[in-house]
Amino acid sequence: MTLPFDLRTLGVFLAVVNRGGFSAAARELHVAQSAVSQTIANLEHRLGLTLFQRHERRIALTPEGEAFVDQARAVVERAEAAHLAMRELHDLVKGDLRIGIPSMLGSYYFPPLLMGFKSRYPGLRLTVVEAGARRLQQMIAAGELDLGVVIDDGASHHLTRRHLVREEMVVCVPRDHAYAGRTSVTPEAFFAEPLVLFQDGYFHREFVDILARERGAEADVAFESNLIPLTKAIVSRGFGITTFLRRVVEEPELAAVSFDPPAWLDLSLAWAEGAYLSRAEQAFVDFVLANR
């Protein structure tokens, strides 16, 4: 079906309505008055309707014109909205990203990446969710998150992954602790001390639980806390020791000592298997991988 008008024609029609005359519309559109008059005449001919009553230098909408103006405005508004939506997709001027990050990475690895990405795409809104790595995997698979950081192991193979970083898990002790001067600490020595651990569902706790099972050891859990500053304060005051990613141990009163043998975690940026990445999501993936 061929429509009797196009967006340009509707724009001319609405300019005449808004400006109250052909001359004023022509000045607004920067065209000759004769061009405006011809466009309106052609539109009326194609519609088979008279849209304007012409009285010398004055014009007024006919009842048919009154009915048509609302339709014309609706069409132009929808076209402008569609154009904006496509421009937003192309230029990434607007959008939302839901990103899941484990607490240790969220506090000590991701802030510069998030701020850098936000600086490049200021129109995008970032929602950062902190949770345990396994919980994040579930949220990604369920569509509750667009992207997230997960442990790259057998439990995350149902997700699409891009390797992000390899981090060492170390023993964290007070600077005056007997272990602080060692080059490494065995798991058996680690489990001989009271421990300050995250709660279940965090890779920090999962790492310790797996290590205990492998060594046939039992963890002496003195404190449980998911708050990194609180955990550090407890350790620095000598109430227990813990394990962190090496980059997390930065206070002068704390020491980071490798396990014997060293313990490494591979962390990946992940999204649901087969999920379509929007331009904003793909831009985030590309930015993080390029600046990791």
C-alpha atoms as a PDB file:
ATOM      1  CA  MET A   1       0.000   0.000   0.000  1.00  0.00           C
ATOM      2  CA  THR A   2       1.307   3.430  -0.976  1.00  0.00           C
ATOM      3  CA  LEU A   3       0.699   6.127   1.614  1.00  0.00           C
ATOM      4  CA  PRO A   4      -0.502   9.550   0.386  1.00  0.00           C
ATOM      5  CA  PHE A   5       2.160  11.310   2.463  1.00  0.00           C
ATOM      6  CA  ASP A   6       5.674  10.980   3.856  1.00  0.00           C
ATOM      7  CA  LEU A   7       7.353  12.368   6.965  1.00  0.00           C
ATOM      8  CA  ARG A   8       8.598  15.466   5.145  1.00  0.00           C
ATOM      9  CA  THR A   9       5.078  16.256   3.969  1.00  0.00           C
ATOM     10  CA  LEU A  10       3.713  15.804   7.484  1.00  0.00           C
ATOM     11  CA  GLY A  11       6.454  18.084   8.777  1.00  0.00           C
ATOM     12  CA  VAL A  12       5.371  20.826   6.361  1.00  0.00           C
ATOM     13  CA  PHE A  13       1.712  20.331   7.284  1.00  0.00           C
ATOM     14  CA  LEU A  14       2.461  20.610  11.021  1.00  0.00           C
ATOM     15  CA  ALA A  15       4.648  23.665  10.471  1.00  0.00           C
ATOM     16  CA  VAL A  16       1.724  25.426   8.783  1.00  0.00           C
ATOM     17  CA  VAL A  17      -0.565  24.435  11.672  1.00  0.00           C
ATOM     18  CA  ASN A  18       1.912  25.476  14.358  1.00  0.00           C
ATOM     19  CA  ARG A  19       2.859  28.760  12.699  1.00  0.00           C
ATOM     20  CA  GLY A  20      -0.650  29.638  11.584  1.00  0.00           C
ATOM     21  CA  GLY A  21       0.163  30.334   7.955  1.00  0.00           C
ATOM     22  CA  PHE A  22       2.107  29.365   4.836  1.00  0.00           C
ATOM     23  CA  SER A  23       4.549  32.281   4.965  1.00  0.00           C
ATOM     24  CA  ALA A  24       5.522  31.688   8.592  1.00  0.00           C
ATOM     25  CA  ALA A  25       5.933  27.954   7.923  1.00  0.00           C
ATOM     26  CA  ALA A  26       8.143  28.712   4.917  1.00  0.00           C
ATOM     27  CA  ARG A  27      10.395  30.945   7.039  1.00  0.00           C
ATOM     28  CA  GLU A  28      10.711  28.239   9.696  1.00  0.00           C
ATOM     29  CA  LEU A  29      11.533  25.564   7.121  1.00  0.00           C
ATOM     30  CA  HIS A  30      13.809  27.857   5.085  1.00  0.00           C
ATOM     31  CA  VAL A  31      11.974  27.185   1.836  1.00  0.00           C
ATOM     32  CA  ALA A  32       9.911  29.270  -0.560  1.00  0.00           C
ATOM     33  CA  GLN A  33       6.259  29.889   0.290  1.00  0.00           C
ATOM     34  CA  SER A  34       5.282  28.434  -3.063  1.00  0.00           C
ATOM     35  CA  ALA A  35       6.942  25.129  -2.068  1.00  0.00           C
ATOM     36  CA  VAL A  36       4.887  24.988   1.132  1.00  0.00           C
ATOM     37  CA  SER A  37       1.663  25.803  -0.727  1.00  0.00           C
ATOM     38  CA  GLN A  38       2.378  23.131  -3.356  1.00  0.00           C
ATOM     39  CA  THR A  39       3.171  20.497  -0.699  1.00  0.00           C
ATOM     40  CA  ILE A  40      -0.128  21.144   1.093  1.00  0.00           C
ATOM     41  CA  ALA A  41      -2.069  21.152  -2.193  1.00  0.00           C
ATOM     42  CA  ASN A  42      -0.536  17.798  -3.148  1.00  0.00           C
ATOM     43  CA  LEU A  43      -1.338  16.359   0.300  1.00  0.00           C
ATOM     44  CA  GLU A  44      -4.988  17.480   0.058  1.00  0.00           C
ATOM     45  CA  HIS A  45      -5.235  16.014  -3.434  1.00  0.00           C
ATOM     46  CA  ARG A  46      -3.837  12.646  -2.332  1.00  0.00           C
ATOM     47  CA  LEU A  47      -6.087  12.507   0.730  1.00  0.00           C
ATOM     48  CA  GLY A  48      -9.111  13.733  -1.192  1.00  0.00           C
ATOM     49  CA  LEU A  49      -9.764  16.196   1.619  1.00  0.00           C
ATOM     50  CA  THR A  50      -9.572  19.925   2.213  1.00  0.00           C
ATOM     51  CA  LEU A  51      -7.390  20.478   5.265  1.00  0.00           C
ATOM     52  CA  PHE A  52      -7.330  24.294   5.408  1.00  0.00           C
ATOM     53  CA  GLN A  53      -9.895  27.010   4.856  1.00  0.00           C
ATOM     54  CA  ARG A  54      -8.160  29.912   3.116  1.00  0.00           C
ATOM     55  CA  HIS A  55      -9.408  33.447   3.830  1.00  0.00           C
ATOM     56  CA  GLU A  56      -7.164  35.937   2.034  1.00  0.00           C
ATOM     57  CA  ARG A  57      -4.137  36.133   4.369  1.00  0.00           C
ATOM     58  CA  ARG A  58      -5.619  33.882   7.051  1.00  0.00           C
ATOM     59  CA  ILE A  59      -6.050  30.124   7.200  1.00  0.00           C
ATOM     60  CA  ALA A  60      -7.925  27.796   9.528  1.00  0.00           C
ATOM     61  CA  LEU A  61      -8.160  24.033   9.822  1.00  0.00           C
ATOM     62  CA  THR A  62     -11.278  22.398   8.429  1.00  0.00           C
ATOM     63  CA  PRO A  63     -12.959  19.679  10.559  1.00  0.00           C
ATOM     64  CA  GLU A  64     -11.073  17.144   8.417  1.00  0.00           C
ATOM     65  CA  GLY A  65      -7.853  19.065   9.071  1.00  0.00           C
ATOM     66  CA  GLU A  66      -8.541  19.027  12.813  1.00  0.00           C
ATOM     67  CA  ALA A  67      -8.915  15.244  12.697  1.00  0.00           C
ATOM     68  CA  PHE A  68      -5.792  14.821  10.586  1.00  0.00           C
ATOM     69  CA  VAL A  69      -3.496  16.979  12.722  1.00  0.00           C
ATOM     70  CA  ASP A  70      -3.632  14.609  15.717  1.00  0.00           C
ATOM     71  CA  GLN A  71      -2.802  11.656  13.479  1.00  0.00           C
ATOM     72  CA  ALA A  72       0.047  13.564  11.835  1.00  0.00           C
ATOM     73  CA  ARG A  73       1.572  14.509  15.182  1.00  0.00           C
ATOM     74  CA  ALA A  74       1.339  10.922  16.425  1.00  0.00           C
ATOM     75  CA  VAL A  75       3.092   9.597  13.301  1.00  0.00           C
ATOM     76  CA  VAL A  76       5.891  12.189  13.538  1.00  0.00           C
ATOM     77  CA  GLU A  77       6.381  11.541  17.257  1.00  0.00           C
ATOM     78  CA  ARG A  78       6.615   7.793  16.683  1.00  0.00           C
ATOM     79  CA  ALA A  79       9.103   8.327  13.863  1.00  0.00           C
ATOM     80  CA  GLU A  80      11.231  10.618  16.041  1.00  0.00           C
ATOM     81  CA  ALA A  81      11.143   8.066  18.884  1.00  0.00           C
ATOM     82  CA  ALA A  82      12.219   5.297  16.524  1.00  0.00           C
ATOM     83  CA  HIS A  83      15.052   7.451  15.186  1.00  0.00           C
ATOM     84  CA  LEU A  84      16.225   8.254  18.724  1.00  0.00           C
ATOM     85  CA  ALA A  85      16.118   4.589  19.702  1.00  0.00           C
ATOM     86  CA  MET A  86      18.242   3.627  16.718  1.00  0.00           C
ATOM     87  CA  ARG A  87      20.665   6.480  17.373  1.00  0.00           C
ATOM     88  CA  GLU A  88      20.940   5.386  21.000  1.00  0.00           C
ATOM     89  CA  LEU A  89      21.776   1.873  19.881  1.00  0.00           C
ATOM     90  CA  HIS A  90      24.348   3.164  17.419  1.00  0.00           C
ATOM     91  CA  ASP A  91      25.964   5.829  19.536  1.00  0.00           C
ATOM     92  CA  LEU A  92      25.406   4.246  22.969  1.00  0.00           C
ATOM     93  CA  VAL A  93      23.935   7.499  24.260  1.00  0.00           C
ATOM     94  CA  LYS A  94      21.470   5.748  26.549  1.00  0.00           C
ATOM     95  CA  GLY A  95      20.925   2.320  28.045  1.00  0.00           C
ATOM     96  CA  ASP A  96      21.203   0.136  31.118  1.00  0.00           C
ATOM     97  CA  LEU A  97      23.751  -2.467  32.144  1.00  0.00           C
ATOM     98  CA  ARG A  98      23.326  -4.886  35.064  1.00  0.00           C
ATOM     99  CA  ILE A  99      26.702  -6.233  36.135  1.00  0.00           C
ATOM    100  CA  GLY A 100      27.459  -8.737  38.899  1.00  0.00           C
ATOM    101  CA  ILE A 101      30.831  -8.595  40.641  1.00  0.00           C
ATOM    102  CA  PRO A 102      32.212 -10.559  43.622  1.00  0.00           C
ATOM    103  CA  SER A 103      33.024  -8.252  46.523  1.00  0.00           C
ATOM    104  CA  MET A 104      36.815  -8.591  46.412  1.00  0.00           C
ATOM    105  CA  LEU A 105      36.959  -7.715  42.717  1.00  0.00           C
ATOM    106  CA  GLY A 106      34.296  -5.042  43.103  1.00  0.00           C
ATOM    107  CA  SER A 107      36.364  -3.229  45.706  1.00  0.00           C
ATOM    108  CA  TYR A 108      39.889  -3.714  44.414  1.00  0.00           C
ATOM    109  CA  TYR A 109      39.828  -4.442  40.686  1.00  0.00           C
ATOM    110  CA  PHE A 110      36.742  -3.064  38.985  1.00  0.00           C
ATOM    111  CA  PRO A 111      36.404   0.568  40.175  1.00  0.00           C
ATOM    112  CA  PRO A 112      38.905   1.963  37.599  1.00  0.00           C
ATOM    113  CA  LEU A 113      37.306  -0.132  34.844  1.00  0.00           C
ATOM    114  CA  LEU A 114      33.785   0.990  35.749  1.00  0.00           C
ATOM    115  CA  MET A 115      34.782   4.653  35.970  1.00  0.00           C
ATOM    116  CA  GLY A 116      36.705   4.461  32.699  1.00  0.00           C
ATOM    117  CA  PHE A 117      33.757   2.876  30.916  1.00  0.00           C
ATOM    118  CA  LYS A 118      31.351   5.433  32.368  1.00  0.00           C
ATOM    119  CA  SER A 119      33.608   8.259  31.197  1.00  0.00           C
ATOM    120  CA  ARG A 120      33.566   6.880  27.663  1.00  0.00           C
ATOM    121  CA  TYR A 121      29.791   6.247  27.627  1.00  0.00           C
ATOM    122  CA  PRO A 122      28.286   8.774  30.084  1.00  0.00           C
ATOM    123  CA  GLY A 123      24.716   8.132  28.900  1.00  0.00           C
ATOM    124  CA  LEU A 124      24.739   4.509  30.021  1.00  0.00           C
ATOM    125  CA  ARG A 125      23.454   3.645  33.482  1.00  0.00           C
ATOM    126  CA  LEU A 126      25.408   0.949  35.318  1.00  0.00           C
ATOM    127  CA  THR A 127      23.818  -1.148  38.054  1.00  0.00           C
ATOM    128  CA  VAL A 128      26.449  -3.132  39.956  1.00  0.00           C
ATOM    129  CA  VAL A 129      25.291  -6.081  42.037  1.00  0.00           C
ATOM    130  CA  GLU A 130      27.627  -7.580  44.640  1.00  0.00           C
ATOM    131  CA  ALA A 131      27.113 -11.236  45.524  1.00  0.00           C
ATOM    132  CA  GLY A 132      28.914 -14.512  45.852  1.00  0.00           C
ATOM    133  CA  ALA A 133      30.370 -15.946  42.655  1.00  0.00           C
ATOM    134  CA  ARG A 134      27.994 -18.917  42.607  1.00  0.00           C
ATOM    135  CA  ARG A 135      24.986 -16.698  43.217  1.00  0.00           C
ATOM    136  CA  LEU A 136      26.120 -14.481  40.353  1.00  0.00           C
ATOM    137  CA  GLN A 137      26.256 -17.505  38.055  1.00  0.00           C
ATOM    138  CA  GLN A 138      22.636 -18.298  38.911  1.00  0.00           C
ATOM    139  CA  MET A 139      21.526 -14.703  38.344  1.00  0.00           C
ATOM    140  CA  ILE A 140      23.235 -14.555  34.947  1.00  0.00           C
ATOM    141  CA  ALA A 141      21.656 -17.827  33.839  1.00  0.00           C
ATOM    142  CA  ALA A 142      18.232 -16.608  35.024  1.00  0.00           C
ATOM    143  CA  GLY A 143      18.508 -13.312  33.132  1.00  0.00           C
ATOM    144  CA  GLU A 144      18.635 -11.226  36.316  1.00  0.00           C
ATOM    145  CA  LEU A 145      22.057  -9.880  35.286  1.00  0.00           C
ATOM    146  CA  ASP A 146      23.397  -8.995  31.847  1.00  0.00           C
ATOM    147  CA  LEU A 147      27.019  -9.747  32.669  1.00  0.00           C
ATOM    148  CA  GLY A 148      28.994 -10.943  35.649  1.00  0.00           C
ATOM    149  CA  VAL A 149      32.365 -12.132  36.914  1.00  0.00           C
ATOM    150  CA  VAL A 150      32.532 -15.840  37.694  1.00  0.00           C
ATOM    151  CA  ILE A 151      35.102 -18.451  38.609  1.00  0.00           C
ATOM    152  CA  ASP A 152      36.110 -20.174  35.402  1.00  0.00           C
ATOM    153  CA  ASP A 153      35.636 -23.796  36.378  1.00  0.00           C
ATOM    154  CA  GLY A 154      33.312 -26.718  35.672  1.00  0.00           C
ATOM    155  CA  ALA A 155      30.411 -25.086  37.493  1.00  0.00           C
ATOM    156  CA  SER A 156      30.406 -22.102  35.124  1.00  0.00           C
ATOM    157  CA  HIS A 157      30.749 -23.934  31.811  1.00  0.00           C
ATOM    158  CA  HIS A 158      27.038 -23.444  31.042  1.00  0.00           C
ATOM    159  CA  LEU A 159      27.812 -19.730  30.561  1.00  0.00           C
ATOM    160  CA  THR A 160      29.620 -17.943  27.745  1.00  0.00           C
ATOM    161  CA  ARG A 161      32.931 -16.762  29.235  1.00  0.00           C
ATOM    162  CA  ARG A 162      35.856 -14.525  28.363  1.00  0.00           C
ATOM    163  CA  HIS A 163      38.924 -14.900  30.560  1.00  0.00           C
ATOM    164  CA  LEU A 164      39.471 -11.815  32.670  1.00  0.00           C
ATOM    165  CA  VAL A 165      42.276 -12.318  35.163  1.00  0.00           C
ATOM    166  CA  ARG A 166      44.253 -14.957  37.063  1.00  0.00           C
ATOM    167  CA  GLU A 167      44.598 -14.117  40.740  1.00  0.00           C
ATOM    168  CA  GLU A 168      46.528 -15.717  43.569  1.00  0.00           C
ATOM    169  CA  MET A 169      44.746 -16.598  46.786  1.00  0.00           C
ATOM    170  CA  VAL A 170      47.112 -15.891  49.684  1.00  0.00           C
ATOM    171  CA  VAL A 171      47.163 -16.292  53.450  1.00  0.00           C
ATOM    172  CA  CYS A 172      46.485 -12.955  55.156  1.00  0.00           C
ATOM    173  CA  VAL A 173      47.994 -12.527  58.642  1.00  0.00           C
ATOM    174  CA  PRO A 174      48.952  -9.668  60.971  1.00  0.00           C
ATOM    175  CA  ARG A 175      52.408  -8.233  60.296  1.00  0.00           C
ATOM    176  CA  ASP A 176      53.644  -9.546  63.668  1.00  0.00           C
ATOM    177  CA  HIS A 177      52.290 -13.084  63.122  1.00  0.00           C
ATOM    178  CA  ALA A 178      54.742 -15.992  62.957  1.00  0.00           C
ATOM    179  CA  TYR A 179      53.650 -16.731  59.375  1.00  0.00           C
ATOM    180  CA  ALA A 180      54.366 -13.185  58.157  1.00  0.00           C
ATOM    181  CA  GLY A 181      58.075 -13.880  57.713  1.00  0.00           C
ATOM    182  CA  ARG A 182      57.588 -17.083  55.720  1.00  0.00           C
ATOM    183  CA  THR A 183      57.736 -17.387  51.955  1.00  0.00           C
ATOM    184  CA  SER A 184      54.771 -19.798  51.995  1.00  0.00           C
ATOM    185  CA  VAL A 185      52.282 -21.479  54.314  1.00  0.00           C
ATOM    186  CA  THR A 186      50.986 -25.032  53.953  1.00  0.00           C
ATOM    187  CA  PRO A 187      47.252 -25.711  54.097  1.00  0.00           C
ATOM    188  CA  GLU A 188      47.844 -27.714  57.283  1.00  0.00           C
ATOM    189  CA  ALA A 189      49.451 -24.686  58.943  1.00  0.00           C
ATOM    190  CA  PHE A 190      46.635 -22.475  57.703  1.00  0.00           C
ATOM    191  CA  PHE A 191      43.957 -24.717  59.242  1.00  0.00           C
ATOM    192  CA  ALA A 192      45.862 -24.825  62.540  1.00  0.00           C
ATOM    193  CA  GLU A 193      44.871 -21.180  63.116  1.00  0.00           C
ATOM    194  CA  PRO A 194      41.467 -19.633  63.969  1.00  0.00           C
ATOM    195  CA  LEU A 195      39.969 -18.370  60.721  1.00  0.00           C
ATOM    196  CA  VAL A 196      37.945 -15.334  59.652  1.00  0.00           C
ATOM    197  CA  LEU A 197      35.881 -16.411  56.645  1.00  0.00           C
ATOM    198  CA  PHE A 198      33.144 -15.246  54.304  1.00  0.00           C
ATOM    199  CA  GLN A 199      29.776 -16.951  54.511  1.00  0.00           C
ATOM    200  CA  ASP A 200      28.653 -19.737  52.177  1.00  0.00           C
ATOM    201  CA  GLY A 201      28.089 -18.761  48.535  1.00  0.00           C
ATOM    202  CA  TYR A 202      31.276 -16.712  48.140  1.00  0.00           C
ATOM    203  CA  PHE A 203      34.283 -18.088  46.265  1.00  0.00           C
ATOM    204  CA  HIS A 204      36.430 -17.076  49.252  1.00  0.00           C
ATOM    205  CA  ARG A 205      34.548 -19.542  51.466  1.00  0.00           C
ATOM    206  CA  GLU A 206      34.266 -22.147  48.723  1.00  0.00           C
ATOM    207  CA  PHE A 207      38.032 -22.031  48.215  1.00  0.00           C
ATOM    208  CA  VAL A 208      38.633 -22.720  51.927  1.00  0.00           C
ATOM    209  CA  ASP A 209      36.011 -25.491  52.077  1.00  0.00           C
ATOM    210  CA  ILE A 210      37.503 -27.275  49.055  1.00  0.00           C
ATOM    211  CA  LEU A 211      41.004 -26.924  50.490  1.00  0.00           C
ATOM    212  CA  ALA A 212      39.834 -28.413  53.794  1.00  0.00           C
ATOM    213  CA  ARG A 213      38.193 -31.390  52.091  1.00  0.00           C
ATOM    214  CA  GLU A 214      41.272 -32.065  49.983  1.00  0.00           C
ATOM    215  CA  ARG A 215      43.511 -32.063  53.078  1.00  0.00           C
ATOM    216  CA  GLY A 216      41.104 -33.814  55.402  1.00  0.00           C
ATOM    217  CA  ALA A 217      41.212 -30.766  57.668  1.00  0.00           C
ATOM    218  CA  GLU A 218      38.530 -28.973  59.643  1.00  0.00           C
ATOM    219  CA  ALA A 219      38.341 -25.200  59.624  1.00  0.00           C
ATOM    220  CA  ASP A 220      38.290 -23.461  63.025  1.00  0.00           C
ATOM    221  CA  VAL A 221      35.934 -20.614  62.086  1.00  0.00           C
ATOM    222  CA  ALA A 222      36.289 -17.853  64.666  1.00  0.00           C
ATOM    223  CA  PHE A 223      34.368 -15.188  62.715  1.00  0.00           C
ATOM    224  CA  GLU A 224      32.133 -15.085  59.651  1.00  0.00           C
ATOM    225  CA  SER A 225      31.786 -11.810  57.753  1.00  0.00           C
ATOM    226  CA  ASN A 226      31.277 -10.756  54.147  1.00  0.00           C
ATOM    227  CA  LEU A 227      32.622  -7.292  54.943  1.00  0.00           C
ATOM    228  CA  ILE A 228      36.216  -6.975  53.795  1.00  0.00           C
ATOM    229  CA  PRO A 229      37.133  -3.990  56.049  1.00  0.00           C
ATOM    230  CA  LEU A 230      35.727  -5.800  59.100  1.00  0.00           C
ATOM    231  CA  THR A 231      37.581  -8.995  58.218  1.00  0.00           C
ATOM    232  CA  LYS A 232      40.829  -7.044  57.864  1.00  0.00           C
ATOM    233  CA  ALA A 233      40.270  -5.319  61.192  1.00  0.00           C
ATOM    234  CA  ILE A 234      39.713  -8.654  62.943  1.00  0.00           C
ATOM    235  CA  VAL A 235      42.850 -10.145  61.384  1.00  0.00           C
ATOM    236  CA  SER A 236      45.017  -7.090  62.114  1.00  0.00           C
ATOM    237  CA  ARG A 237      44.059  -7.304  65.804  1.00  0.00           C
ATOM    238  CA  GLY A 238      45.130 -10.909  66.005  1.00  0.00           C
ATOM    239  CA  PHE A 239      41.758 -12.635  66.388  1.00  0.00           C
ATOM    240  CA  GLY A 240      42.306 -14.922  63.407  1.00  0.00           C
ATOM    241  CA  ILE A 241      43.783 -15.199  59.931  1.00  0.00           C
ATOM    242  CA  THR A 242      42.114 -15.406  56.544  1.00  0.00           C
ATOM    243  CA  THR A 243      42.720 -15.740  52.820  1.00  0.00           C
ATOM    244  CA  PHE A 244      42.260 -13.034  50.206  1.00  0.00           C
ATOM    245  CA  LEU A 245      43.215 -12.312  46.646  1.00  0.00           C
ATOM    246  CA  ARG A 246      46.755 -10.937  46.819  1.00  0.00           C
ATOM    247  CA  ARG A 247      45.741  -7.511  45.502  1.00  0.00           C
ATOM    248  CA  VAL A 248      43.327  -7.083  48.423  1.00  0.00           C
ATOM    249  CA  VAL A 249      46.066  -7.198  51.075  1.00  0.00           C
ATOM    250  CA  GLU A 250      47.485  -3.690  50.915  1.00  0.00           C
ATOM    251  CA  GLU A 251      47.500  -2.406  54.507  1.00  0.00           C
ATOM    252  CA  PRO A 252      50.944  -2.072  56.192  1.00  0.00           C
ATOM    253  CA  GLU A 253      49.731  -3.949  59.281  1.00  0.00           C
ATOM    254  CA  LEU A 254      48.851  -7.029  57.184  1.00  0.00           C
ATOM    255  CA  ALA A 255      51.043  -9.501  55.322  1.00  0.00           C
ATOM    256  CA  ALA A 256      50.220 -11.644  52.280  1.00  0.00           C
ATOM    257  CA  VAL A 257      51.910 -15.052  52.142  1.00  0.00           C
ATOM    258  CA  SER A 258      51.553 -17.611  49.350  1.00  0.00           C
ATOM    259  CA  PHE A 259      50.094 -21.042  49.987  1.00  0.00           C
ATOM    260  CA  ASP A 260      52.362 -24.045  49.504  1.00  0.00           C
ATOM    261  CA  PRO A 261      51.680 -24.971  46.751  1.00  0.00           C
ATOM    262  CA  PRO A 262      50.471 -21.604  45.354  1.00  0.00           C
ATOM    263  CA  ALA A 263      46.711 -21.324  44.839  1.00  0.00           C
ATOM    264  CA  TRP A 264      45.348 -19.600  41.731  1.00  0.00           C
ATOM    265  CA  LEU A 265      41.853 -18.659  40.611  1.00  0.00           C
ATOM    266  CA  ASP A 266      40.845 -17.981  37.010  1.00  0.00           C
ATOM    267  CA  LEU A 267      38.092 -15.384  36.803  1.00  0.00           C
ATOM    268  CA  SER A 268      36.052 -14.681  33.686  1.00  0.00           C
ATOM    269  CA  LEU A 269      33.490 -12.170  32.452  1.00  0.00           C
ATOM    270  CA  ALA A 270      30.386 -14.208  31.623  1.00  0.00           C
ATOM    271  CA  TRP A 271      26.872 -13.978  30.201  1.00  0.00           C
ATOM    272  CA  ALA A 272      24.065 -16.439  29.505  1.00  0.00           C
ATOM    273  CA  GLU A 273      24.855 -19.084  26.903  1.00  0.00           C
ATOM    274  CA  GLY A 274      23.378 -18.091  23.545  1.00  0.00           C
ATOM    275  CA  ALA A 275      22.268 -14.677  24.825  1.00  0.00           C
ATOM    276  CA  TYR A 276      22.330 -11.742  22.406  1.00  0.00           C
ATOM    277  CA  LEU A 277      24.652  -8.995  23.582  1.00  0.00           C
ATOM    278  CA  SER A 278      23.296  -5.498  23.071  1.00  0.00           C
ATOM    279  CA  ARG A 279      25.677  -2.851  21.759  1.00  0.00           C
ATOM    280  CA  ALA A 280      26.075  -1.525  25.305  1.00  0.00           C
ATOM    281  CA  GLU A 281      26.875  -4.978  26.681  1.00  0.00           C
ATOM    282  CA  GLN A 282      29.326  -5.737  23.885  1.00  0.00           C
ATOM    283  CA  ALA A 283      30.969  -2.351  24.425  1.00  0.00           C
ATOM    284  CA  PHE A 284      31.433  -3.182  28.117  1.00  0.00           C
ATOM    285  CA  VAL A 285      32.930  -6.593  27.334  1.00  0.00           C
ATOM    286  CA  ASP A 286      35.314  -5.067  24.786  1.00  0.00           C
ATOM    287  CA  PHE A 287      36.321  -2.254  27.145  1.00  0.00           C
ATOM    288  CA  VAL A 288      37.011  -4.523  30.123  1.00  0.00           C
ATOM    289  CA  LEU A 289      38.999  -7.053  28.095  1.00  0.00           C
ATOM    290  CA  ALA A 290      41.043  -4.287  26.474  1.00  0.00           C
ATOM    291  CA  ASN A 291      41.851  -2.627  29.815  1.00  0.00           C
ATOM    292  CA  ARG A 292      42.146  -5.557  32.216  1.00  0.00           C
END
